[in-house]
Every structure is written in structure tokens, then in C-alpha cells.
């Protein structure tokens, strides 16, 4: 993901996904400091 944000480093960023007929869901988060978090559905398989 290329982000044209002037203060990008200050943002917590995340990946989301949306399957057909379903709501968008959060799949990975990374803070400005590099801490990460994942839902159980992708934990251990996805890395942000």
C-alpha cells in the first residue's frame, strides 16, 4: 500500500478486507511505533 500522507509516520495503519456480501473487517494493525495486532482469524499467518 502506497500512502500519500504527509505525516505518514505518525499514523497507525491497518489492512482491512471485504468479502462479497460481508462487512469490511480489520485484519492487521501497525502503530506508529511498530506494534502490531491481528484478529484470531489471521494471527500467525499474516504479518503487517
ModelCIF file with pLDDT and N, C-alpha, C, O atoms, coordinates in Angstrom:
data_MODEL
#
_entry.id   MODEL 
#
_entity.id                         1 
_entity.type                       polymer 
_entity.pdbx_number_of_molecules   1 
#
_entity_poly.entity_id                      1 
_entity_poly.type                           'polypeptide(L)' 
_entity_poly.nstd_linkage                   no 
_entity_poly.nstd_monomer                   no 
_entity_poly.pdbx_seq_one_letter_code       
;(UNK)(UNK)(UNK)(UNK)(UNK)(UNK)(UNK)(UNK)(UNK)(UNK)(UNK)(UNK)(UNK)(UNK)(UNK)(UNK)
(UNK)(UNK)(UNK)(UNK)(UNK)(UNK)(UNK)(UNK)(UNK)(UNK)(UNK)(UNK)(UNK)(UNK)(UNK)(UNK)
(UNK)(UNK)(UNK)(UNK)(UNK)(UNK)(UNK)(UNK)(UNK)(UNK)(UNK)(UNK)(UNK)(UNK)(UNK)(UNK)
;
_entity_poly.pdbx_seq_one_letter_code_can   XXXXXXXXXXXXXXXXXXXXXXXXXXXXXXXXXXXXXXXXXXXXXXXX 
_entity_poly.pdbx_strand_id                 A 
#
loop_
_entity_poly_seq.entity_id 
_entity_poly_seq.num 
_entity_poly_seq.mon_id 
_entity_poly_seq.hetero 
1 1  UNK n 
1 2  UNK n 
1 3  UNK n 
1 4  UNK n 
1 5  UNK n 
1 6  UNK n 
1 7  UNK n 
1 8  UNK n 
1 9  UNK n 
1 10 UNK n 
1 11 UNK n 
1 12 UNK n 
1 13 UNK n 
1 14 UNK n 
1 15 UNK n 
1 16 UNK n 
1 17 UNK n 
1 18 UNK n 
1 19 UNK n 
1 20 UNK n 
1 21 UNK n 
1 22 UNK n 
1 23 UNK n 
1 24 UNK n 
1 25 UNK n 
1 26 UNK n 
1 27 UNK n 
1 28 UNK n 
1 29 UNK n 
1 30 UNK n 
1 31 UNK n 
1 32 UNK n 
1 33 UNK n 
1 34 UNK n 
1 35 UNK n 
1 36 UNK n 
1 37 UNK n 
1 38 UNK n 
1 39 UNK n 
1 40 UNK n 
1 41 UNK n 
1 42 UNK n 
1 43 UNK n 
1 44 UNK n 
1 45 UNK n 
1 46 UNK n 
1 47 UNK n 
1 48 UNK n 
#
_struct_asym.id          A 
_struct_asym.entity_id   1 
#
loop_
_ma_qa_metric.id 
_ma_qa_metric.mode 
_ma_qa_metric.name 
_ma_qa_metric.software_group_id 
_ma_qa_metric.type 
1 global pLDDT . pLDDT 
2 local  pLDDT . pLDDT 
#
_ma_qa_metric_global.metric_id      1 
_ma_qa_metric_global.metric_value   96.15 
_ma_qa_metric_global.model_id       1 
_ma_qa_metric_global.ordinal_id     1 
#
loop_
_ma_qa_metric_local.label_asym_id 
_ma_qa_metric_local.label_comp_id 
_ma_qa_metric_local.label_seq_id 
_ma_qa_metric_local.metric_id 
_ma_qa_metric_local.metric_value 
_ma_qa_metric_local.model_id 
_ma_qa_metric_local.ordinal_id 
A UNK 1  2 98.00 1 1  
A UNK 2  2 97.00 1 2  
A UNK 3  2 96.00 1 3  
A UNK 4  2 94.00 1 4  
A UNK 5  2 88.00 1 5  
A UNK 6  2 86.00 1 6  
A UNK 7  2 91.00 1 7  
A UNK 8  2 93.00 1 8  
A UNK 9  2 94.00 1 9  
A UNK 10 2 94.00 1 10 
A UNK 11 2 95.00 1 11 
A UNK 12 2 97.00 1 12 
A UNK 13 2 97.00 1 13 
A UNK 14 2 98.00 1 14 
A UNK 15 2 98.00 1 15 
A UNK 16 2 98.00 1 16 
A UNK 17 2 98.00 1 17 
A UNK 18 2 98.00 1 18 
A UNK 19 2 96.00 1 19 
A UNK 20 2 92.00 1 20 
A UNK 21 2 94.00 1 21 
A UNK 22 2 96.00 1 22 
A UNK 23 2 96.00 1 23 
A UNK 24 2 96.00 1 24 
A UNK 25 2 97.00 1 25 
A UNK 26 2 97.00 1 26 
A UNK 27 2 98.00 1 27 
A UNK 28 2 98.00 1 28 
A UNK 29 2 98.00 1 29 
A UNK 30 2 98.00 1 30 
A UNK 31 2 97.00 1 31 
A UNK 32 2 95.00 1 32 
A UNK 33 2 94.00 1 33 
A UNK 34 2 95.00 1 34 
A UNK 35 2 97.00 1 35 
A UNK 36 2 98.00 1 36 
A UNK 37 2 98.00 1 37 
A UNK 38 2 98.00 1 38 
A UNK 39 2 98.00 1 39 
A UNK 40 2 97.00 1 40 
A UNK 41 2 96.00 1 41 
A UNK 42 2 98.00 1 42 
A UNK 43 2 98.00 1 43 
A UNK 44 2 98.00 1 44 
A UNK 45 2 98.00 1 45 
A UNK 46 2 98.00 1 46 
A UNK 47 2 98.00 1 47 
A UNK 48 2 98.00 1 48 
#
loop_
_atom_site.group_PDB 
_atom_site.id 
_atom_site.type_symbol 
_atom_site.label_atom_id 
_atom_site.label_alt_id 
_atom_site.label_comp_id 
_atom_site.label_asym_id 
_atom_site.label_entity_id 
_atom_site.label_seq_id 
_atom_site.pdbx_PDB_ins_code 
_atom_site.Cartn_x 
_atom_site.Cartn_y 
_atom_site.Cartn_z 
_atom_site.occupancy 
_atom_site.B_iso_or_equiv 
_atom_site.pdbx_formal_charge 
_atom_site.auth_seq_id 
_atom_site.auth_comp_id 
_atom_site.auth_asym_id 
_atom_site.auth_atom_id 
_atom_site.pdbx_PDB_model_num 
ATOM 1   N N  . UNK A 1 1  ? 0.863   -1.188  0.000  1.00 98.00 ? 1  UNK A N  1 
ATOM 2   C CA . UNK A 1 1  ? 0.000   0.000   0.000  1.00 98.00 ? 1  UNK A CA 1 
ATOM 3   C C  . UNK A 1 1  ? 0.895   1.233   0.000  1.00 98.00 ? 1  UNK A C  1 
ATOM 4   O O  . UNK A 1 1  ? 1.714   1.424   0.899  1.00 98.00 ? 1  UNK A O  1 
ATOM 5   N N  . UNK A 1 2  ? 0.725   2.059   -1.017 1.00 97.00 ? 2  UNK A N  1 
ATOM 6   C CA . UNK A 1 2  ? 1.436   3.333   -1.092 1.00 97.00 ? 2  UNK A CA 1 
ATOM 7   C C  . UNK A 1 2  ? 0.512   4.422   -0.576 1.00 97.00 ? 2  UNK A C  1 
ATOM 8   O O  . UNK A 1 2  ? -0.611  4.581   -1.054 1.00 97.00 ? 2  UNK A O  1 
ATOM 9   N N  . UNK A 1 3  ? 0.998   5.169   0.406  1.00 96.00 ? 3  UNK A N  1 
ATOM 10  C CA . UNK A 1 3  ? 0.152   6.171   1.054  1.00 96.00 ? 3  UNK A CA 1 
ATOM 11  C C  . UNK A 1 3  ? 0.752   7.557   0.881  1.00 96.00 ? 3  UNK A C  1 
ATOM 12  O O  . UNK A 1 3  ? 1.868   7.815   1.332  1.00 96.00 ? 3  UNK A O  1 
ATOM 13  N N  . UNK A 1 4  ? 0.027   8.433   0.240  1.00 94.00 ? 4  UNK A N  1 
ATOM 14  C CA . UNK A 1 4  ? 0.491   9.810   0.059  1.00 94.00 ? 4  UNK A CA 1 
ATOM 15  C C  . UNK A 1 4  ? -0.007  10.651  1.228  1.00 94.00 ? 4  UNK A C  1 
ATOM 16  O O  . UNK A 1 4  ? -0.907  11.480  1.087  1.00 94.00 ? 4  UNK A O  1 
ATOM 17  N N  . UNK A 1 5  ? 0.610   10.412  2.397  1.00 88.00 ? 5  UNK A N  1 
ATOM 18  C CA . UNK A 1 5  ? 0.244   11.116  3.628  1.00 88.00 ? 5  UNK A CA 1 
ATOM 19  C C  . UNK A 1 5  ? 1.486   11.855  4.106  1.00 88.00 ? 5  UNK A C  1 
ATOM 20  O O  . UNK A 1 5  ? 2.557   11.266  4.249  1.00 88.00 ? 5  UNK A O  1 
ATOM 21  N N  . UNK A 1 6  ? 1.329   13.140  4.350  1.00 86.00 ? 6  UNK A N  1 
ATOM 22  C CA . UNK A 1 6  ? 2.488   13.956  4.694  1.00 86.00 ? 6  UNK A CA 1 
ATOM 23  C C  . UNK A 1 6  ? 3.095   13.582  6.040  1.00 86.00 ? 6  UNK A C  1 
ATOM 24  O O  . UNK A 1 6  ? 4.305   13.713  6.225  1.00 86.00 ? 6  UNK A O  1 
ATOM 25  N N  . UNK A 1 7  ? 2.284   13.122  6.977  1.00 91.00 ? 7  UNK A N  1 
ATOM 26  C CA . UNK A 1 7  ? 2.802   12.724  8.285  1.00 91.00 ? 7  UNK A CA 1 
ATOM 27  C C  . UNK A 1 7  ? 2.561   11.243  8.490  1.00 91.00 ? 7  UNK A C  1 
ATOM 28  O O  . UNK A 1 7  ? 2.092   10.820  9.547  1.00 91.00 ? 7  UNK A O  1 
ATOM 29  N N  . UNK A 1 8  ? 2.880   10.466  7.487  1.00 93.00 ? 8  UNK A N  1 
ATOM 30  C CA . UNK A 1 8  ? 2.594   9.027   7.473  1.00 93.00 ? 8  UNK A CA 1 
ATOM 31  C C  . UNK A 1 8  ? 3.130   8.349   8.725  1.00 93.00 ? 8  UNK A C  1 
ATOM 32  O O  . UNK A 1 8  ? 2.454   7.498   9.304  1.00 93.00 ? 8  UNK A O  1 
ATOM 33  N N  . UNK A 1 9  ? 4.321   8.710   9.144  1.00 94.00 ? 9  UNK A N  1 
ATOM 34  C CA . UNK A 1 9  ? 4.949   8.005   10.259 1.00 94.00 ? 9  UNK A CA 1 
ATOM 35  C C  . UNK A 1 9  ? 4.166   8.139   11.556 1.00 94.00 ? 9  UNK A C  1 
ATOM 36  O O  . UNK A 1 9  ? 4.347   7.338   12.473 1.00 94.00 ? 9  UNK A O  1 
ATOM 37  N N  . UNK A 1 10 ? 3.305   9.132   11.643 1.00 94.00 ? 10 UNK A N  1 
ATOM 38  C CA . UNK A 1 10 ? 2.543   9.357   12.868 1.00 94.00 ? 10 UNK A CA 1 
ATOM 39  C C  . UNK A 1 10 ? 1.249   8.547   12.911 1.00 94.00 ? 10 UNK A C  1 
ATOM 40  O O  . UNK A 1 10 ? 0.603   8.456   13.955 1.00 94.00 ? 10 UNK A O  1 
ATOM 41  N N  . UNK A 1 11 ? 0.878   7.969   11.791 1.00 95.00 ? 11 UNK A N  1 
ATOM 42  C CA . UNK A 1 11 ? -0.393  7.260   11.697 1.00 95.00 ? 11 UNK A CA 1 
ATOM 43  C C  . UNK A 1 11 ? -0.263  5.801   12.116 1.00 95.00 ? 11 UNK A C  1 
ATOM 44  O O  . UNK A 1 11 ? 0.703   5.124   11.766 1.00 95.00 ? 11 UNK A O  1 
ATOM 45  N N  . UNK A 1 12 ? -1.251  5.330   12.870 1.00 97.00 ? 12 UNK A N  1 
ATOM 46  C CA . UNK A 1 12 ? -1.481  3.896   12.952 1.00 97.00 ? 12 UNK A CA 1 
ATOM 47  C C  . UNK A 1 12 ? -2.125  3.490   11.638 1.00 97.00 ? 12 UNK A C  1 
ATOM 48  O O  . UNK A 1 12 ? -3.099  4.104   11.202 1.00 97.00 ? 12 UNK A O  1 
ATOM 49  N N  . UNK A 1 13 ? -1.583  2.456   11.007 1.00 97.00 ? 13 UNK A N  1 
ATOM 50  C CA . UNK A 1 13 ? -2.094  1.988   9.724  1.00 97.00 ? 13 UNK A CA 1 
ATOM 51  C C  . UNK A 1 13 ? -2.654  0.576   9.870  1.00 97.00 ? 13 UNK A C  1 
ATOM 52  O O  . UNK A 1 13 ? -2.321  -0.153  10.804 1.00 97.00 ? 13 UNK A O  1 
ATOM 53  N N  . UNK A 1 14 ? -3.501  0.220   8.934  1.00 98.00 ? 14 UNK A N  1 
ATOM 54  C CA . UNK A 1 14 ? -4.166  -1.078  9.039  1.00 98.00 ? 14 UNK A CA 1 
ATOM 55  C C  . UNK A 1 14 ? -4.521  -1.621  7.667  1.00 98.00 ? 14 UNK A C  1 
ATOM 56  O O  . UNK A 1 14 ? -4.625  -0.879  6.691  1.00 98.00 ? 14 UNK A O  1 
ATOM 57  N N  . UNK A 1 15 ? -4.701  -2.912  7.617  1.00 98.00 ? 15 UNK A N  1 
ATOM 58  C CA . UNK A 1 15 ? -5.260  -3.589  6.459  1.00 98.00 ? 15 UNK A CA 1 
ATOM 59  C C  . UNK A 1 15 ? -6.655  -4.087  6.833  1.00 98.00 ? 15 UNK A C  1 
ATOM 60  O O  . UNK A 1 15 ? -6.898  -4.572  7.938  1.00 98.00 ? 15 UNK A O  1 
ATOM 61  N N  . UNK A 1 16 ? -7.551  -3.948  5.871  1.00 98.00 ? 16 UNK A N  1 
ATOM 62  C CA . UNK A 1 16 ? -8.922  -4.412  6.015  1.00 98.00 ? 16 UNK A CA 1 
ATOM 63  C C  . UNK A 1 16 ? -9.237  -5.323  4.832  1.00 98.00 ? 16 UNK A C  1 
ATOM 64  O O  . UNK A 1 16 ? -8.505  -5.344  3.842  1.00 98.00 ? 16 UNK A O  1 
ATOM 65  N N  . UNK A 1 17 ? -10.312 -6.064  4.941  1.00 98.00 ? 17 UNK A N  1 
ATOM 66  C CA . UNK A 1 17 ? -10.771 -6.849  3.798  1.00 98.00 ? 17 UNK A CA 1 
ATOM 67  C C  . UNK A 1 17 ? -12.290 -6.901  3.784  1.00 98.00 ? 17 UNK A C  1 
ATOM 68  O O  . UNK A 1 17 ? -12.949 -6.789  4.817  1.00 98.00 ? 17 UNK A O  1 
ATOM 69  N N  . UNK A 1 18 ? -12.818 -7.073  2.589  1.00 98.00 ? 18 UNK A N  1 
ATOM 70  C CA . UNK A 1 18 ? -14.261 -7.195  2.437  1.00 98.00 ? 18 UNK A CA 1 
ATOM 71  C C  . UNK A 1 18 ? -14.560 -8.297  1.431  1.00 98.00 ? 18 UNK A C  1 
ATOM 72  O O  . UNK A 1 18 ? -14.193 -8.212  0.259  1.00 98.00 ? 18 UNK A O  1 
ATOM 73  N N  . UNK A 1 19 ? -15.227 -9.321  1.913  1.00 96.00 ? 19 UNK A N  1 
ATOM 74  C CA . UNK A 1 19 ? -15.644 -10.425 1.061  1.00 96.00 ? 19 UNK A CA 1 
ATOM 75  C C  . UNK A 1 19 ? -17.039 -10.128 0.529  1.00 96.00 ? 19 UNK A C  1 
ATOM 76  O O  . UNK A 1 19 ? -17.777 -9.353  1.138  1.00 96.00 ? 19 UNK A O  1 
ATOM 77  N N  . UNK A 1 20 ? -17.411 -10.727 -0.592 1.00 92.00 ? 20 UNK A N  1 
ATOM 78  C CA . UNK A 1 20 ? -18.740 -10.487 -1.162 1.00 92.00 ? 20 UNK A CA 1 
ATOM 79  C C  . UNK A 1 20 ? -19.846 -10.772 -0.146 1.00 92.00 ? 20 UNK A C  1 
ATOM 80  O O  . UNK A 1 20 ? -19.876 -11.830 0.482  1.00 92.00 ? 20 UNK A O  1 
ATOM 81  N N  . UNK A 1 21 ? -20.751 -9.807  -0.001 1.00 94.00 ? 21 UNK A N  1 
ATOM 82  C CA . UNK A 1 21 ? -21.881 -9.985  0.895  1.00 94.00 ? 21 UNK A CA 1 
ATOM 83  C C  . UNK A 1 21 ? -21.570 -9.847  2.370  1.00 94.00 ? 21 UNK A C  1 
ATOM 84  O O  . UNK A 1 21 ? -22.426 -10.095 3.219  1.00 94.00 ? 21 UNK A O  1 
ATOM 85  N N  . UNK A 1 22 ? -20.326 -9.444  2.679  1.00 96.00 ? 22 UNK A N  1 
ATOM 86  C CA . UNK A 1 22 ? -19.928 -9.308  4.084  1.00 96.00 ? 22 UNK A CA 1 
ATOM 87  C C  . UNK A 1 22 ? -19.445 -7.899  4.366  1.00 96.00 ? 22 UNK A C  1 
ATOM 88  O O  . UNK A 1 22 ? -19.093 -7.149  3.455  1.00 96.00 ? 22 UNK A O  1 
ATOM 89  N N  . UNK A 1 23 ? -19.435 -7.554  5.643  1.00 96.00 ? 23 UNK A N  1 
ATOM 90  C CA . UNK A 1 23 ? -18.925 -6.241  6.046  1.00 96.00 ? 23 UNK A CA 1 
ATOM 91  C C  . UNK A 1 23 ? -17.406 -6.211  5.983  1.00 96.00 ? 23 UNK A C  1 
ATOM 92  O O  . UNK A 1 23 ? -16.742 -7.242  6.087  1.00 96.00 ? 23 UNK A O  1 
ATOM 93  N N  . UNK A 1 24 ? -16.881 -5.026  5.814  1.00 96.00 ? 24 UNK A N  1 
ATOM 94  C CA . UNK A 1 24 ? -15.432 -4.860  5.839  1.00 96.00 ? 24 UNK A CA 1 
ATOM 95  C C  . UNK A 1 24 ? -14.921 -5.181  7.241  1.00 96.00 ? 24 UNK A C  1 
ATOM 96  O O  . UNK A 1 24 ? -15.517 -4.767  8.235  1.00 96.00 ? 24 UNK A O  1 
ATOM 97  N N  . UNK A 1 25 ? -13.816 -5.920  7.315  1.00 97.00 ? 25 UNK A N  1 
ATOM 98  C CA . UNK A 1 25 ? -13.254 -6.283  8.609  1.00 97.00 ? 25 UNK A CA 1 
ATOM 99  C C  . UNK A 1 25 ? -11.770 -5.947  8.664  1.00 97.00 ? 25 UNK A C  1 
ATOM 100 O O  . UNK A 1 25 ? -11.063 -5.944  7.656  1.00 97.00 ? 25 UNK A O  1 
ATOM 101 N N  . UNK A 1 26 ? -11.336 -5.666  9.875  1.00 97.00 ? 26 UNK A N  1 
ATOM 102 C CA . UNK A 1 26 ? -9.940  -5.342  10.129 1.00 97.00 ? 26 UNK A CA 1 
ATOM 103 C C  . UNK A 1 26 ? -9.135  -6.642  10.215 1.00 97.00 ? 26 UNK A C  1 
ATOM 104 O O  . UNK A 1 26 ? -9.548  -7.584  10.891 1.00 97.00 ? 26 UNK A O  1 
ATOM 105 N N  . UNK A 1 27 ? -7.981  -6.691  9.528  1.00 98.00 ? 27 UNK A N  1 
ATOM 106 C CA . UNK A 1 27 ? -7.177  -7.914  9.572  1.00 98.00 ? 27 UNK A CA 1 
ATOM 107 C C  . UNK A 1 27 ? -5.770  -7.711  10.128 1.00 98.00 ? 27 UNK A C  1 
ATOM 108 O O  . UNK A 1 27 ? -5.099  -8.681  10.480 1.00 98.00 ? 27 UNK A O  1 
ATOM 109 N N  . UNK A 1 28 ? -5.318  -6.458  10.210 1.00 98.00 ? 28 UNK A N  1 
ATOM 110 C CA . UNK A 1 28 ? -3.988  -6.222  10.762 1.00 98.00 ? 28 UNK A CA 1 
ATOM 111 C C  . UNK A 1 28 ? -3.817  -4.741  11.062 1.00 98.00 ? 28 UNK A C  1 
ATOM 112 O O  . UNK A 1 28 ? -4.295  -3.885  10.317 1.00 98.00 ? 28 UNK A O  1 
ATOM 113 N N  . UNK A 1 29 ? -3.139  -4.455  12.143 1.00 98.00 ? 29 UNK A N  1 
ATOM 114 C CA . UNK A 1 29 ? -2.886  -3.072  12.559 1.00 98.00 ? 29 UNK A CA 1 
ATOM 115 C C  . UNK A 1 29 ? -1.419  -2.925  12.928 1.00 98.00 ? 29 UNK A C  1 
ATOM 116 O O  . UNK A 1 29 ? -0.820  -3.824  13.518 1.00 98.00 ? 29 UNK A O  1 
ATOM 117 N N  . UNK A 1 30 ? -0.844  -1.772  12.569 1.00 98.00 ? 30 UNK A N  1 
ATOM 118 C CA . UNK A 1 30 ? 0.518   -1.460  12.994 1.00 98.00 ? 30 UNK A CA 1 
ATOM 119 C C  . UNK A 1 30 ? 0.554   -0.015  13.455 1.00 98.00 ? 30 UNK A C  1 
ATOM 120 O O  . UNK A 1 30 ? 0.139   0.890   12.731 1.00 98.00 ? 30 UNK A O  1 
ATOM 121 N N  . UNK A 1 31 ? 1.049   0.194   14.659 1.00 97.00 ? 31 UNK A N  1 
ATOM 122 C CA . UNK A 1 31 ? 1.104   1.548   15.203 1.00 97.00 ? 31 UNK A CA 1 
ATOM 123 C C  . UNK A 1 31 ? 2.301   2.307   14.645 1.00 97.00 ? 31 UNK A C  1 
ATOM 124 O O  . UNK A 1 31 ? 3.141   1.744   13.943 1.00 97.00 ? 31 UNK A O  1 
ATOM 125 N N  . UNK A 1 32 ? 2.361   3.579   14.965 1.00 95.00 ? 32 UNK A N  1 
ATOM 126 C CA . UNK A 1 32 ? 3.497   4.391   14.534 1.00 95.00 ? 32 UNK A CA 1 
ATOM 127 C C  . UNK A 1 32 ? 4.803   3.859   15.124 1.00 95.00 ? 32 UNK A C  1 
ATOM 128 O O  . UNK A 1 32 ? 5.876   4.048   14.550 1.00 95.00 ? 32 UNK A O  1 
ATOM 129 N N  . UNK A 1 33 ? 4.704   3.203   16.255 1.00 94.00 ? 33 UNK A N  1 
ATOM 130 C CA . UNK A 1 33 ? 5.895   2.648   16.892 1.00 94.00 ? 33 UNK A CA 1 
ATOM 131 C C  . UNK A 1 33 ? 6.240   1.245   16.467 1.00 94.00 ? 33 UNK A C  1 
ATOM 132 O O  . UNK A 1 33 ? 7.247   0.685   16.901 1.00 94.00 ? 33 UNK A O  1 
ATOM 133 N N  . UNK A 1 34 ? 5.401   0.669   15.611 1.00 95.00 ? 34 UNK A N  1 
ATOM 134 C CA . UNK A 1 34 ? 5.687   -0.659  15.076 1.00 95.00 ? 34 UNK A CA 1 
ATOM 135 C C  . UNK A 1 34 ? 5.002   -1.808  15.791 1.00 95.00 ? 34 UNK A C  1 
ATOM 136 O O  . UNK A 1 34 ? 5.218   -2.966  15.433 1.00 95.00 ? 34 UNK A O  1 
ATOM 137 N N  . UNK A 1 35 ? 4.180   -1.520  16.793 1.00 97.00 ? 35 UNK A N  1 
ATOM 138 C CA . UNK A 1 35 ? 3.433   -2.597  17.448 1.00 97.00 ? 35 UNK A CA 1 
ATOM 139 C C  . UNK A 1 35 ? 2.340   -3.085  16.510 1.00 97.00 ? 35 UNK A C  1 
ATOM 140 O O  . UNK A 1 35 ? 1.735   -2.305  15.774 1.00 97.00 ? 35 UNK A O  1 
ATOM 141 N N  . UNK A 1 36 ? 2.100   -4.382  16.550 1.00 98.00 ? 36 UNK A N  1 
ATOM 142 C CA . UNK A 1 36 ? 1.125   -4.976  15.635 1.00 98.00 ? 36 UNK A CA 1 
ATOM 143 C C  . UNK A 1 36 ? 0.046   -5.737  16.388 1.00 98.00 ? 36 UNK A C  1 
ATOM 144 O O  . UNK A 1 36 ? 0.235   -6.152  17.532 1.00 98.00 ? 36 UNK A O  1 
ATOM 145 N N  . UNK A 1 37 ? -1.085  -5.908  15.726 1.00 98.00 ? 37 UNK A N  1 
ATOM 146 C CA . UNK A 1 37 ? -2.184  -6.670  16.311 1.00 98.00 ? 37 UNK A CA 1 
ATOM 147 C C  . UNK A 1 37 ? -2.999  -7.294  15.189 1.00 98.00 ? 37 UNK A C  1 
ATOM 148 O O  . UNK A 1 37 ? -3.145  -6.723  14.109 1.00 98.00 ? 37 UNK A O  1 
ATOM 149 N N  . UNK A 1 38 ? -3.530  -8.490  15.474 1.00 98.00 ? 38 UNK A N  1 
ATOM 150 C CA . UNK A 1 38 ? -4.270  -9.238  14.475 1.00 98.00 ? 38 UNK A CA 1 
ATOM 151 C C  . UNK A 1 38 ? -5.472  -9.928  15.117 1.00 98.00 ? 38 UNK A C  1 
ATOM 152 O O  . UNK A 1 38 ? -5.424  -10.291 16.293 1.00 98.00 ? 38 UNK A O  1 
ATOM 153 N N  . UNK A 1 39 ? -6.538  -10.108 14.360 1.00 98.00 ? 39 UNK A N  1 
ATOM 154 C CA . UNK A 1 39 ? -7.629  -10.935 14.877 1.00 98.00 ? 39 UNK A CA 1 
ATOM 155 C C  . UNK A 1 39 ? -7.208  -12.400 14.839 1.00 98.00 ? 39 UNK A C  1 
ATOM 156 O O  . UNK A 1 39 ? -6.271  -12.767 14.131 1.00 98.00 ? 39 UNK A O  1 
ATOM 157 N N  . UNK A 1 40 ? -7.901  -13.223 15.597 1.00 97.00 ? 40 UNK A N  1 
ATOM 158 C CA . UNK A 1 40 ? -7.545  -14.637 15.674 1.00 97.00 ? 40 UNK A CA 1 
ATOM 159 C C  . UNK A 1 40 ? -7.598  -15.321 14.311 1.00 97.00 ? 40 UNK A C  1 
ATOM 160 O O  . UNK A 1 40 ? -6.867  -16.282 14.066 1.00 97.00 ? 40 UNK A O  1 
ATOM 161 N N  . UNK A 1 41 ? -8.463  -14.827 13.423 1.00 96.00 ? 41 UNK A N  1 
ATOM 162 C CA . UNK A 1 41 ? -8.648  -15.481 12.124 1.00 96.00 ? 41 UNK A CA 1 
ATOM 163 C C  . UNK A 1 41 ? -7.392  -15.458 11.254 1.00 96.00 ? 41 UNK A C  1 
ATOM 164 O O  . UNK A 1 41 ? -7.241  -16.300 10.370 1.00 96.00 ? 41 UNK A O  1 
ATOM 165 N N  . UNK A 1 42 ? -6.498  -14.511 11.492 1.00 98.00 ? 42 UNK A N  1 
ATOM 166 C CA . UNK A 1 42 ? -5.287  -14.418 10.660 1.00 98.00 ? 42 UNK A CA 1 
ATOM 167 C C  . UNK A 1 42 ? -4.005  -14.472 11.475 1.00 98.00 ? 42 UNK A C  1 
ATOM 168 O O  . UNK A 1 42 ? -2.911  -14.506 10.911 1.00 98.00 ? 42 UNK A O  1 
ATOM 169 N N  . UNK A 1 43 ? -4.130  -14.481 12.789 1.00 98.00 ? 43 UNK A N  1 
ATOM 170 C CA . UNK A 1 43 ? -2.943  -14.470 13.648 1.00 98.00 ? 43 UNK A CA 1 
ATOM 171 C C  . UNK A 1 43 ? -2.057  -15.679 13.352 1.00 98.00 ? 43 UNK A C  1 
ATOM 172 O O  . UNK A 1 43 ? -2.531  -16.812 13.263 1.00 98.00 ? 43 UNK A O  1 
ATOM 173 N N  . UNK A 1 44 ? -0.769  -15.412 13.203 1.00 98.00 ? 44 UNK A N  1 
ATOM 174 C CA . UNK A 1 44 ? 0.176   -16.475 12.894 1.00 98.00 ? 44 UNK A CA 1 
ATOM 175 C C  . UNK A 1 44 ? 0.341   -16.728 11.413 1.00 98.00 ? 44 UNK A C  1 
ATOM 176 O O  . UNK A 1 44 ? 1.264   -17.434 11.005 1.00 98.00 ? 44 UNK A O  1 
ATOM 177 N N  . UNK A 1 45 ? -0.535  -16.165 10.603 1.00 98.00 ? 45 UNK A N  1 
ATOM 178 C CA . UNK A 1 45 ? -0.448  -16.346 9.149  1.00 98.00 ? 45 UNK A CA 1 
ATOM 179 C C  . UNK A 1 45 ? -0.139  -15.043 8.423  1.00 98.00 ? 45 UNK A C  1 
ATOM 180 O O  . UNK A 1 45 ? 0.562   -15.049 7.411  1.00 98.00 ? 45 UNK A O  1 
ATOM 181 N N  . UNK A 1 46 ? -0.655  -13.929 8.931  1.00 98.00 ? 46 UNK A N  1 
ATOM 182 C CA . UNK A 1 46 ? -0.466  -12.617 8.302  1.00 98.00 ? 46 UNK A CA 1 
ATOM 183 C C  . UNK A 1 46 ? 0.526   -11.795 9.121  1.00 98.00 ? 46 UNK A C  1 
ATOM 184 O O  . UNK A 1 46 ? 0.571   -11.889 10.347 1.00 98.00 ? 46 UNK A O  1 
ATOM 185 N N  . UNK A 1 47 ? 1.318   -10.989 8.415  1.00 98.00 ? 47 UNK A N  1 
ATOM 186 C CA . UNK A 1 47 ? 2.261   -10.087 9.075  1.00 98.00 ? 47 UNK A CA 1 
ATOM 187 C C  . UNK A 1 47 ? 2.193   -8.723  8.412  1.00 98.00 ? 47 UNK A C  1 
ATOM 188 O O  . UNK A 1 47 ? 2.389   -8.598  7.203  1.00 98.00 ? 47 UNK A O  1 
ATOM 189 N N  . UNK A 1 48 ? 1.916   -7.707  9.205  1.00 98.00 ? 48 UNK A N  1 
ATOM 190 C CA . UNK A 1 48 ? 1.888   -6.338  8.697  1.00 98.00 ? 48 UNK A CA 1 
ATOM 191 C C  . UNK A 1 48 ? 3.224   -5.673  9.007  1.00 98.00 ? 48 UNK A C  1 
ATOM 192 O O  . UNK A 1 48 ? 3.427   -4.507  8.668  1.00 98.00 ? 48 UNK A O  1 
#
